[in-house]
Amino acid sequence: MDTEEFPNQRPICLAYTEDGSKAYVTLGGGGLFVFDVENFEVVEQFGKSTIGAHGCGTVLSPDGKYMFANSGSTELAEYYVIDTETDELLFTGETGGIDAHGVAFTPDGQQLWMVNRVTDDAAIIDPNSFEVIDYIDFVGDAPDLLVFSPDGKYVYI
């Protein structure tokens, strides 16, 4: 294991593929492991130079095609999109805030919301283009996690 790229392998957050065969796990020092759950083997890995430190926000797209993850610190807030069939990193973007953390899809699957803890704001991402399409300047002090009401009328942050 490359200790430069994986300085702290402490798992932070994870999400499974639709069939439960793989888990995508962010790491405290940066990076992400993709595990084959049946064999408990790493089948793909992204080091800290690809996936930043303090990631959380792992969430599977409603259609099961993409795994979204993020990373954040007092200096950055990035998010990543990985193809769940090939485990290829397809996209890296910035939320526009600092310290990306919690993520949730709207109940209709049309938007992905991502909160930034340091800047107290949220980015709204189009799950098809992977681009930030809107931004909420203030969602409360140090937002950590979020969940939508089943009807999508409210988001609790």
N, C-alpha and C. Protein backbone atom coordinates (compact mmCIF):
# COMPACT_ATOMS: atom_id res chain seq x y z
N MET A 1 0.85 -1.18 0.00
CA MET A 1 0.00 0.00 0.00
C MET A 1 0.89 1.24 0.00
N ASP A 2 0.58 2.16 -0.87
CA ASP A 2 1.32 3.42 -1.00
C ASP A 2 0.91 4.36 0.13
N THR A 3 1.77 4.51 1.14
CA THR A 3 1.43 5.34 2.29
C THR A 3 1.41 6.84 1.97
N GLU A 4 2.04 7.24 0.88
CA GLU A 4 1.94 8.64 0.45
C GLU A 4 0.53 8.94 -0.04
N GLU A 5 -0.03 8.07 -0.84
CA GLU A 5 -1.37 8.27 -1.40
C GLU A 5 -2.47 7.88 -0.42
N PHE A 6 -2.16 7.03 0.55
CA PHE A 6 -3.14 6.56 1.52
C PHE A 6 -2.58 6.71 2.94
N PRO A 7 -2.38 7.96 3.41
CA PRO A 7 -1.73 8.18 4.70
C PRO A 7 -2.58 7.78 5.90
N ASN A 8 -3.89 7.79 5.75
CA ASN A 8 -4.80 7.44 6.84
C ASN A 8 -5.94 6.66 6.20
N GLN A 9 -5.96 5.37 6.43
CA GLN A 9 -6.95 4.51 5.79
C GLN A 9 -8.22 4.33 6.63
N ARG A 10 -8.41 5.22 7.59
CA ARG A 10 -9.60 5.17 8.45
C ARG A 10 -10.84 5.41 7.59
N PRO A 11 -11.79 4.48 7.55
CA PRO A 11 -13.00 4.68 6.75
C PRO A 11 -13.85 5.80 7.34
N ILE A 12 -14.44 6.58 6.45
CA ILE A 12 -15.31 7.68 6.89
C ILE A 12 -16.77 7.35 6.55
N CYS A 13 -17.10 7.30 5.28
CA CYS A 13 -18.47 7.01 4.84
C CYS A 13 -18.43 5.98 3.74
N LEU A 14 -19.57 5.30 3.55
CA LEU A 14 -19.63 4.34 2.47
C LEU A 14 -21.04 4.23 1.93
N ALA A 15 -21.14 3.76 0.71
CA ALA A 15 -22.42 3.45 0.08
C ALA A 15 -22.21 2.22 -0.80
N TYR A 16 -23.29 1.45 -0.93
CA TYR A 16 -23.25 0.23 -1.73
C TYR A 16 -23.87 0.44 -3.11
N THR A 17 -23.46 -0.41 -4.04
CA THR A 17 -24.14 -0.46 -5.33
C THR A 17 -25.54 -1.02 -5.12
N GLU A 18 -26.36 -0.87 -6.13
CA GLU A 18 -27.76 -1.30 -6.05
C GLU A 18 -27.90 -2.78 -5.69
N ASP A 19 -27.03 -3.62 -6.23
CA ASP A 19 -27.09 -5.06 -5.96
C ASP A 19 -26.30 -5.47 -4.72
N GLY A 20 -25.63 -4.50 -4.07
CA GLY A 20 -24.88 -4.79 -2.85
C GLY A 20 -23.56 -5.48 -3.07
N SER A 21 -23.10 -5.58 -4.31
CA SER A 21 -21.87 -6.32 -4.60
C SER A 21 -20.60 -5.51 -4.32
N LYS A 22 -20.72 -4.19 -4.33
CA LYS A 22 -19.55 -3.34 -4.09
C LYS A 22 -19.89 -2.25 -3.09
N ALA A 23 -18.87 -1.85 -2.33
CA ALA A 23 -18.99 -0.73 -1.40
C ALA A 23 -17.92 0.30 -1.76
N TYR A 24 -18.30 1.56 -1.75
CA TYR A 24 -17.39 2.68 -2.03
C TYR A 24 -17.15 3.39 -0.72
N VAL A 25 -15.88 3.41 -0.27
CA VAL A 25 -15.54 3.87 1.07
C VAL A 25 -14.54 5.01 0.99
N THR A 26 -14.92 6.18 1.54
CA THR A 26 -13.99 7.30 1.60
C THR A 26 -13.07 7.11 2.80
N LEU A 27 -11.87 7.69 2.70
CA LEU A 27 -10.83 7.49 3.72
C LEU A 27 -10.44 8.82 4.36
N GLY A 28 -10.14 8.77 5.65
CA GLY A 28 -9.85 9.98 6.41
C GLY A 28 -8.71 10.82 5.87
N GLY A 29 -7.66 10.21 5.42
CA GLY A 29 -6.51 10.96 4.92
C GLY A 29 -6.60 11.29 3.44
N GLY A 30 -7.72 10.96 2.85
CA GLY A 30 -7.92 11.15 1.42
C GLY A 30 -7.90 9.82 0.71
N GLY A 31 -8.64 9.75 -0.36
CA GLY A 31 -8.72 8.54 -1.15
C GLY A 31 -10.05 7.84 -0.98
N LEU A 32 -10.21 6.81 -1.79
CA LEU A 32 -11.44 6.04 -1.78
C LEU A 32 -11.10 4.62 -2.22
N PHE A 33 -11.66 3.65 -1.51
CA PHE A 33 -11.53 2.25 -1.88
C PHE A 33 -12.87 1.76 -2.43
N VAL A 34 -12.81 0.93 -3.45
CA VAL A 34 -13.98 0.20 -3.94
C VAL A 34 -13.75 -1.25 -3.54
N PHE A 35 -14.66 -1.78 -2.72
CA PHE A 35 -14.55 -3.15 -2.24
C PHE A 35 -15.51 -4.07 -2.95
N ASP A 36 -15.00 -5.26 -3.31
CA ASP A 36 -15.85 -6.38 -3.69
C ASP A 36 -16.34 -6.95 -2.36
N VAL A 37 -17.63 -6.83 -2.09
CA VAL A 37 -18.17 -7.18 -0.78
C VAL A 37 -18.09 -8.68 -0.51
N GLU A 38 -18.32 -9.48 -1.53
CA GLU A 38 -18.31 -10.94 -1.33
C GLU A 38 -16.93 -11.43 -0.92
N ASN A 39 -15.90 -10.92 -1.57
CA ASN A 39 -14.52 -11.36 -1.29
C ASN A 39 -13.77 -10.43 -0.36
N PHE A 40 -14.39 -9.31 -0.01
CA PHE A 40 -13.79 -8.29 0.83
C PHE A 40 -12.38 -7.92 0.34
N GLU A 41 -12.32 -7.64 -0.97
CA GLU A 41 -11.07 -7.25 -1.62
C GLU A 41 -11.25 -5.90 -2.26
N VAL A 42 -10.18 -5.11 -2.24
CA VAL A 42 -10.19 -3.82 -2.93
C VAL A 42 -10.07 -4.10 -4.43
N VAL A 43 -11.07 -3.64 -5.20
CA VAL A 43 -11.04 -3.86 -6.65
C VAL A 43 -10.63 -2.60 -7.41
N GLU A 44 -10.69 -1.45 -6.73
CA GLU A 44 -10.23 -0.19 -7.31
C GLU A 44 -9.87 0.74 -6.16
N GLN A 45 -8.91 1.60 -6.40
CA GLN A 45 -8.53 2.55 -5.37
C GLN A 45 -8.13 3.87 -6.00
N PHE A 46 -8.47 4.93 -5.31
CA PHE A 46 -8.12 6.28 -5.72
C PHE A 46 -7.41 6.92 -4.54
N GLY A 47 -6.19 7.37 -4.74
CA GLY A 47 -5.41 7.98 -3.67
C GLY A 47 -5.81 9.40 -3.38
N LYS A 48 -5.13 9.99 -2.40
CA LYS A 48 -5.47 11.35 -1.95
C LYS A 48 -5.22 12.41 -3.02
N SER A 49 -4.37 12.11 -4.01
CA SER A 49 -4.16 13.08 -5.08
C SER A 49 -5.35 13.12 -6.04
N THR A 50 -6.23 12.13 -5.95
CA THR A 50 -7.43 12.06 -6.79
C THR A 50 -8.69 12.39 -6.01
N ILE A 51 -8.82 11.81 -4.83
CA ILE A 51 -9.97 12.03 -3.94
C ILE A 51 -9.42 12.66 -2.66
N GLY A 52 -9.84 13.89 -2.38
CA GLY A 52 -9.30 14.63 -1.24
C GLY A 52 -9.66 14.04 0.11
N ALA A 53 -9.06 14.58 1.13
CA ALA A 53 -9.25 14.12 2.51
C ALA A 53 -10.62 14.46 3.06
N HIS A 54 -10.99 13.77 4.12
CA HIS A 54 -12.20 14.03 4.90
C HIS A 54 -13.47 13.86 4.08
N GLY A 55 -13.47 12.90 3.19
CA GLY A 55 -14.66 12.65 2.38
C GLY A 55 -15.78 12.06 3.21
N CYS A 56 -16.94 12.34 2.79
CA CYS A 56 -18.12 11.70 3.35
C CYS A 56 -19.05 11.52 2.17
N GLY A 57 -20.18 12.11 2.20
CA GLY A 57 -21.07 12.22 1.07
C GLY A 57 -21.05 11.15 0.01
N THR A 58 -20.99 9.89 0.36
CA THR A 58 -21.13 8.84 -0.66
C THR A 58 -22.60 8.55 -0.83
N VAL A 59 -23.05 8.58 -2.09
CA VAL A 59 -24.46 8.29 -2.37
C VAL A 59 -24.58 7.75 -3.78
N LEU A 60 -25.40 6.73 -3.93
CA LEU A 60 -25.65 6.10 -5.22
C LEU A 60 -26.73 6.87 -5.96
N SER A 61 -26.52 7.10 -7.25
CA SER A 61 -27.55 7.77 -8.06
C SER A 61 -28.80 6.90 -8.09
N PRO A 62 -29.98 7.51 -8.23
CA PRO A 62 -31.22 6.73 -8.24
C PRO A 62 -31.26 5.63 -9.29
N ASP A 63 -30.59 5.82 -10.42
CA ASP A 63 -30.58 4.78 -11.45
C ASP A 63 -29.48 3.74 -11.24
N GLY A 64 -28.65 3.92 -10.20
CA GLY A 64 -27.60 2.96 -9.87
C GLY A 64 -26.36 3.02 -10.73
N LYS A 65 -26.30 3.96 -11.67
CA LYS A 65 -25.17 4.04 -12.59
C LYS A 65 -23.94 4.73 -12.02
N TYR A 66 -24.15 5.63 -11.06
CA TYR A 66 -23.05 6.45 -10.58
C TYR A 66 -22.99 6.47 -9.06
N MET A 67 -21.76 6.50 -8.57
CA MET A 67 -21.54 6.72 -7.15
C MET A 67 -20.98 8.13 -7.02
N PHE A 68 -21.62 8.95 -6.21
CA PHE A 68 -21.13 10.29 -5.92
C PHE A 68 -20.42 10.24 -4.57
N ALA A 69 -19.33 10.95 -4.48
CA ALA A 69 -18.59 11.06 -3.22
C ALA A 69 -18.08 12.49 -3.12
N ASN A 70 -17.64 12.89 -1.94
CA ASN A 70 -17.07 14.23 -1.82
C ASN A 70 -15.92 14.22 -0.84
N SER A 71 -15.25 15.35 -0.77
CA SER A 71 -14.19 15.55 0.21
C SER A 71 -14.19 17.01 0.59
N GLY A 72 -13.77 17.25 1.80
CA GLY A 72 -13.77 18.63 2.25
C GLY A 72 -12.81 18.84 3.39
N SER A 73 -12.36 20.05 3.48
CA SER A 73 -11.49 20.46 4.57
C SER A 73 -11.67 21.97 4.68
N THR A 74 -10.81 22.61 5.44
CA THR A 74 -10.90 24.06 5.54
C THR A 74 -10.35 24.75 4.30
N GLU A 75 -9.97 23.97 3.29
CA GLU A 75 -9.40 24.55 2.08
C GLU A 75 -10.15 24.17 0.81
N LEU A 76 -10.97 23.11 0.83
CA LEU A 76 -11.60 22.69 -0.41
C LEU A 76 -12.94 22.03 -0.17
N ALA A 77 -13.68 21.87 -1.26
CA ALA A 77 -14.94 21.14 -1.25
C ALA A 77 -15.13 20.60 -2.66
N GLU A 78 -14.71 19.36 -2.85
CA GLU A 78 -14.82 18.73 -4.16
C GLU A 78 -15.83 17.60 -4.11
N TYR A 79 -16.33 17.25 -5.28
CA TYR A 79 -17.17 16.07 -5.39
C TYR A 79 -16.74 15.28 -6.63
N TYR A 80 -17.06 14.01 -6.60
CA TYR A 80 -16.56 13.07 -7.60
C TYR A 80 -17.70 12.18 -8.06
N VAL A 81 -17.62 11.75 -9.32
CA VAL A 81 -18.61 10.84 -9.87
C VAL A 81 -17.87 9.64 -10.44
N ILE A 82 -18.27 8.46 -9.99
CA ILE A 82 -17.63 7.21 -10.40
C ILE A 82 -18.67 6.32 -11.08
N ASP A 83 -18.31 5.77 -12.22
CA ASP A 83 -19.17 4.82 -12.94
C ASP A 83 -19.17 3.51 -12.16
N THR A 84 -20.34 3.04 -11.75
CA THR A 84 -20.40 1.84 -10.91
C THR A 84 -20.16 0.54 -11.68
N GLU A 85 -20.26 0.58 -12.99
CA GLU A 85 -19.99 -0.62 -13.78
C GLU A 85 -18.48 -0.81 -13.97
N THR A 86 -17.79 0.29 -14.31
CA THR A 86 -16.35 0.20 -14.61
C THR A 86 -15.46 0.68 -13.48
N ASP A 87 -16.03 1.35 -12.49
CA ASP A 87 -15.30 1.99 -11.39
C ASP A 87 -14.33 3.06 -11.89
N GLU A 88 -14.63 3.65 -13.01
CA GLU A 88 -13.84 4.74 -13.57
C GLU A 88 -14.32 6.07 -13.00
N LEU A 89 -13.36 6.92 -12.59
CA LEU A 89 -13.69 8.27 -12.15
C LEU A 89 -14.06 9.08 -13.39
N LEU A 90 -15.32 9.54 -13.44
CA LEU A 90 -15.82 10.25 -14.61
C LEU A 90 -15.73 11.76 -14.49
N PHE A 91 -15.81 12.28 -13.25
CA PHE A 91 -15.94 13.72 -13.09
C PHE A 91 -15.44 14.14 -11.72
N THR A 92 -14.79 15.30 -11.68
CA THR A 92 -14.41 15.96 -10.44
C THR A 92 -14.87 17.40 -10.55
N GLY A 93 -15.58 17.88 -9.53
CA GLY A 93 -16.07 19.25 -9.54
C GLY A 93 -15.90 19.89 -8.19
N GLU A 94 -16.13 21.19 -8.13
CA GLU A 94 -16.07 21.94 -6.88
C GLU A 94 -17.45 22.44 -6.53
N THR A 95 -17.79 22.41 -5.25
CA THR A 95 -19.12 22.81 -4.81
C THR A 95 -19.30 24.32 -4.76
N GLY A 96 -18.21 25.07 -4.70
CA GLY A 96 -18.31 26.51 -4.55
C GLY A 96 -18.24 26.94 -3.10
N GLY A 97 -18.15 25.99 -2.19
CA GLY A 97 -18.03 26.29 -0.77
C GLY A 97 -16.78 25.64 -0.22
N ILE A 98 -16.78 25.43 1.11
CA ILE A 98 -15.64 24.79 1.76
C ILE A 98 -16.15 23.72 2.71
N ASP A 99 -15.55 22.55 2.66
CA ASP A 99 -15.81 21.39 3.50
C ASP A 99 -17.11 20.69 3.14
N ALA A 100 -17.16 20.14 1.93
CA ALA A 100 -18.33 19.36 1.49
C ALA A 100 -18.50 18.16 2.41
N HIS A 101 -19.76 17.87 2.70
CA HIS A 101 -20.01 16.76 3.61
C HIS A 101 -21.27 16.00 3.22
N GLY A 102 -22.40 16.33 3.81
CA GLY A 102 -23.62 15.57 3.59
C GLY A 102 -24.18 15.73 2.19
N VAL A 103 -24.82 14.67 1.69
CA VAL A 103 -25.44 14.66 0.37
C VAL A 103 -26.77 13.94 0.43
N ALA A 104 -27.68 14.36 -0.45
CA ALA A 104 -28.96 13.65 -0.59
C ALA A 104 -29.58 14.00 -1.93
N PHE A 105 -30.20 13.01 -2.52
CA PHE A 105 -30.98 13.23 -3.73
C PHE A 105 -32.38 13.67 -3.35
N THR A 106 -32.95 14.54 -4.16
CA THR A 106 -34.36 14.87 -4.00
C THR A 106 -35.15 13.58 -4.27
N PRO A 107 -36.34 13.44 -3.69
CA PRO A 107 -37.10 12.20 -3.88
C PRO A 107 -37.37 11.85 -5.34
N ASP A 108 -37.45 12.85 -6.22
CA ASP A 108 -37.66 12.55 -7.64
C ASP A 108 -36.37 12.25 -8.39
N GLY A 109 -35.22 12.34 -7.68
CA GLY A 109 -33.93 12.02 -8.28
C GLY A 109 -33.40 13.05 -9.25
N GLN A 110 -34.04 14.20 -9.34
CA GLN A 110 -33.65 15.22 -10.32
C GLN A 110 -32.52 16.12 -9.86
N GLN A 111 -32.26 16.15 -8.55
CA GLN A 111 -31.18 16.99 -8.02
C GLN A 111 -30.44 16.25 -6.91
N LEU A 112 -29.16 16.57 -6.81
CA LEU A 112 -28.34 16.12 -5.69
C LEU A 112 -27.94 17.35 -4.90
N TRP A 113 -28.26 17.38 -3.65
CA TRP A 113 -27.89 18.50 -2.78
C TRP A 113 -26.68 18.09 -1.96
N MET A 114 -25.74 19.03 -1.82
CA MET A 114 -24.50 18.78 -1.07
C MET A 114 -24.23 20.00 -0.18
N VAL A 115 -24.08 19.77 1.13
CA VAL A 115 -23.84 20.88 2.05
C VAL A 115 -22.35 21.02 2.35
N ASN A 116 -21.96 22.26 2.62
CA ASN A 116 -20.58 22.61 2.96
C ASN A 116 -20.55 23.11 4.40
N ARG A 117 -19.80 22.43 5.27
CA ARG A 117 -19.83 22.75 6.70
C ARG A 117 -19.18 24.07 7.06
N VAL A 118 -18.06 24.42 6.44
CA VAL A 118 -17.36 25.65 6.82
C VAL A 118 -18.07 26.89 6.31
N THR A 119 -18.60 26.84 5.10
CA THR A 119 -19.23 28.02 4.51
C THR A 119 -20.75 28.05 4.72
N ASP A 120 -21.31 27.06 5.41
CA ASP A 120 -22.72 27.05 5.80
C ASP A 120 -23.69 27.13 4.61
N ASP A 121 -23.35 26.52 3.50
CA ASP A 121 -24.15 26.66 2.29
C ASP A 121 -24.37 25.30 1.63
N ALA A 122 -25.01 25.34 0.47
CA ALA A 122 -25.29 24.09 -0.25
C ALA A 122 -25.17 24.30 -1.75
N ALA A 123 -24.68 23.28 -2.40
CA ALA A 123 -24.64 23.24 -3.87
C ALA A 123 -25.72 22.28 -4.32
N ILE A 124 -26.38 22.60 -5.42
CA ILE A 124 -27.37 21.73 -6.02
C ILE A 124 -26.80 21.27 -7.36
N ILE A 125 -26.69 19.96 -7.50
CA ILE A 125 -25.99 19.36 -8.64
C ILE A 125 -26.97 18.61 -9.53
N ASP A 126 -26.80 18.77 -10.84
CA ASP A 126 -27.59 18.01 -11.81
C ASP A 126 -26.95 16.62 -11.92
N PRO A 127 -27.68 15.55 -11.60
CA PRO A 127 -27.08 14.22 -11.61
C PRO A 127 -26.81 13.65 -13.00
N ASN A 128 -27.22 14.37 -14.04
CA ASN A 128 -26.95 13.92 -15.41
C ASN A 128 -25.72 14.62 -16.00
N SER A 129 -25.62 15.93 -15.81
CA SER A 129 -24.47 16.67 -16.34
C SER A 129 -23.33 16.73 -15.33
N PHE A 130 -23.64 16.43 -14.06
CA PHE A 130 -22.70 16.46 -12.93
C PHE A 130 -22.28 17.88 -12.56
N GLU A 131 -22.91 18.89 -13.10
CA GLU A 131 -22.56 20.29 -12.85
C GLU A 131 -23.42 20.89 -11.74
N VAL A 132 -22.84 21.86 -11.02
CA VAL A 132 -23.61 22.64 -10.04
C VAL A 132 -24.57 23.52 -10.83
N ILE A 133 -25.87 23.40 -10.53
CA ILE A 133 -26.88 24.17 -11.25
C ILE A 133 -27.51 25.26 -10.40
N ASP A 134 -27.30 25.20 -9.09
CA ASP A 134 -27.83 26.23 -8.21
C ASP A 134 -27.04 26.19 -6.91
N TYR A 135 -27.26 27.22 -6.10
CA TYR A 135 -26.47 27.39 -4.90
C TYR A 135 -27.34 28.07 -3.85
N ILE A 136 -27.30 27.59 -2.63
CA ILE A 136 -28.03 28.23 -1.53
C ILE A 136 -27.00 28.82 -0.58
N ASP A 137 -27.05 30.12 -0.41
CA ASP A 137 -26.02 30.85 0.34
C ASP A 137 -25.93 30.48 1.81
N PHE A 138 -27.05 30.16 2.45
CA PHE A 138 -27.01 29.85 3.87
C PHE A 138 -28.07 28.80 4.19
N VAL A 139 -27.63 27.70 4.81
CA VAL A 139 -28.56 26.63 5.20
C VAL A 139 -28.50 26.34 6.69
N GLY A 140 -27.78 27.18 7.45
CA GLY A 140 -27.61 26.98 8.88
C GLY A 140 -26.14 26.83 9.21
N ASP A 141 -25.83 26.99 10.48
CA ASP A 141 -24.44 26.92 10.91
C ASP A 141 -23.91 25.50 10.85
N ALA A 142 -22.76 25.34 10.21
CA ALA A 142 -22.04 24.06 10.14
C ALA A 142 -22.93 22.89 9.74
N PRO A 143 -23.60 22.96 8.60
CA PRO A 143 -24.48 21.85 8.20
C PRO A 143 -23.68 20.57 8.00
N ASP A 144 -24.22 19.48 8.48
CA ASP A 144 -23.49 18.22 8.43
C ASP A 144 -24.17 17.22 7.50
N LEU A 145 -25.39 16.85 7.80
CA LEU A 145 -26.13 15.88 7.00
C LEU A 145 -27.48 16.47 6.61
N LEU A 146 -28.13 15.86 5.64
CA LEU A 146 -29.45 16.33 5.22
C LEU A 146 -30.29 15.16 4.75
N VAL A 147 -31.61 15.34 4.85
CA VAL A 147 -32.56 14.35 4.38
C VAL A 147 -33.81 15.09 3.91
N PHE A 148 -34.39 14.59 2.83
CA PHE A 148 -35.61 15.18 2.29
C PHE A 148 -36.82 14.46 2.87
N SER A 149 -37.91 15.23 3.05
CA SER A 149 -39.18 14.59 3.39
C SER A 149 -39.59 13.74 2.19
N PRO A 150 -40.35 12.68 2.41
CA PRO A 150 -40.72 11.79 1.30
C PRO A 150 -41.40 12.50 0.13
N ASP A 151 -42.16 13.57 0.41
CA ASP A 151 -42.83 14.29 -0.67
C ASP A 151 -41.93 15.34 -1.32
N GLY A 152 -40.71 15.53 -0.80
CA GLY A 152 -39.77 16.49 -1.37
C GLY A 152 -40.07 17.92 -1.04
N LYS A 153 -41.06 18.16 -0.20
CA LYS A 153 -41.46 19.53 0.15
C LYS A 153 -40.45 20.19 1.09
N TYR A 154 -39.81 19.40 1.92
CA TYR A 154 -38.88 19.94 2.92
C TYR A 154 -37.56 19.19 2.85
N VAL A 155 -36.49 19.91 3.19
CA VAL A 155 -35.21 19.26 3.41
C VAL A 155 -34.76 19.62 4.82
N TYR A 156 -34.36 18.61 5.57
CA TYR A 156 -33.92 18.80 6.95
C TYR A 156 -32.40 18.72 6.96
N ILE A 157 -31.78 19.81 7.42
CA ILE A 157 -30.31 19.91 7.38
C ILE A 157 -29.80 20.11 8.79
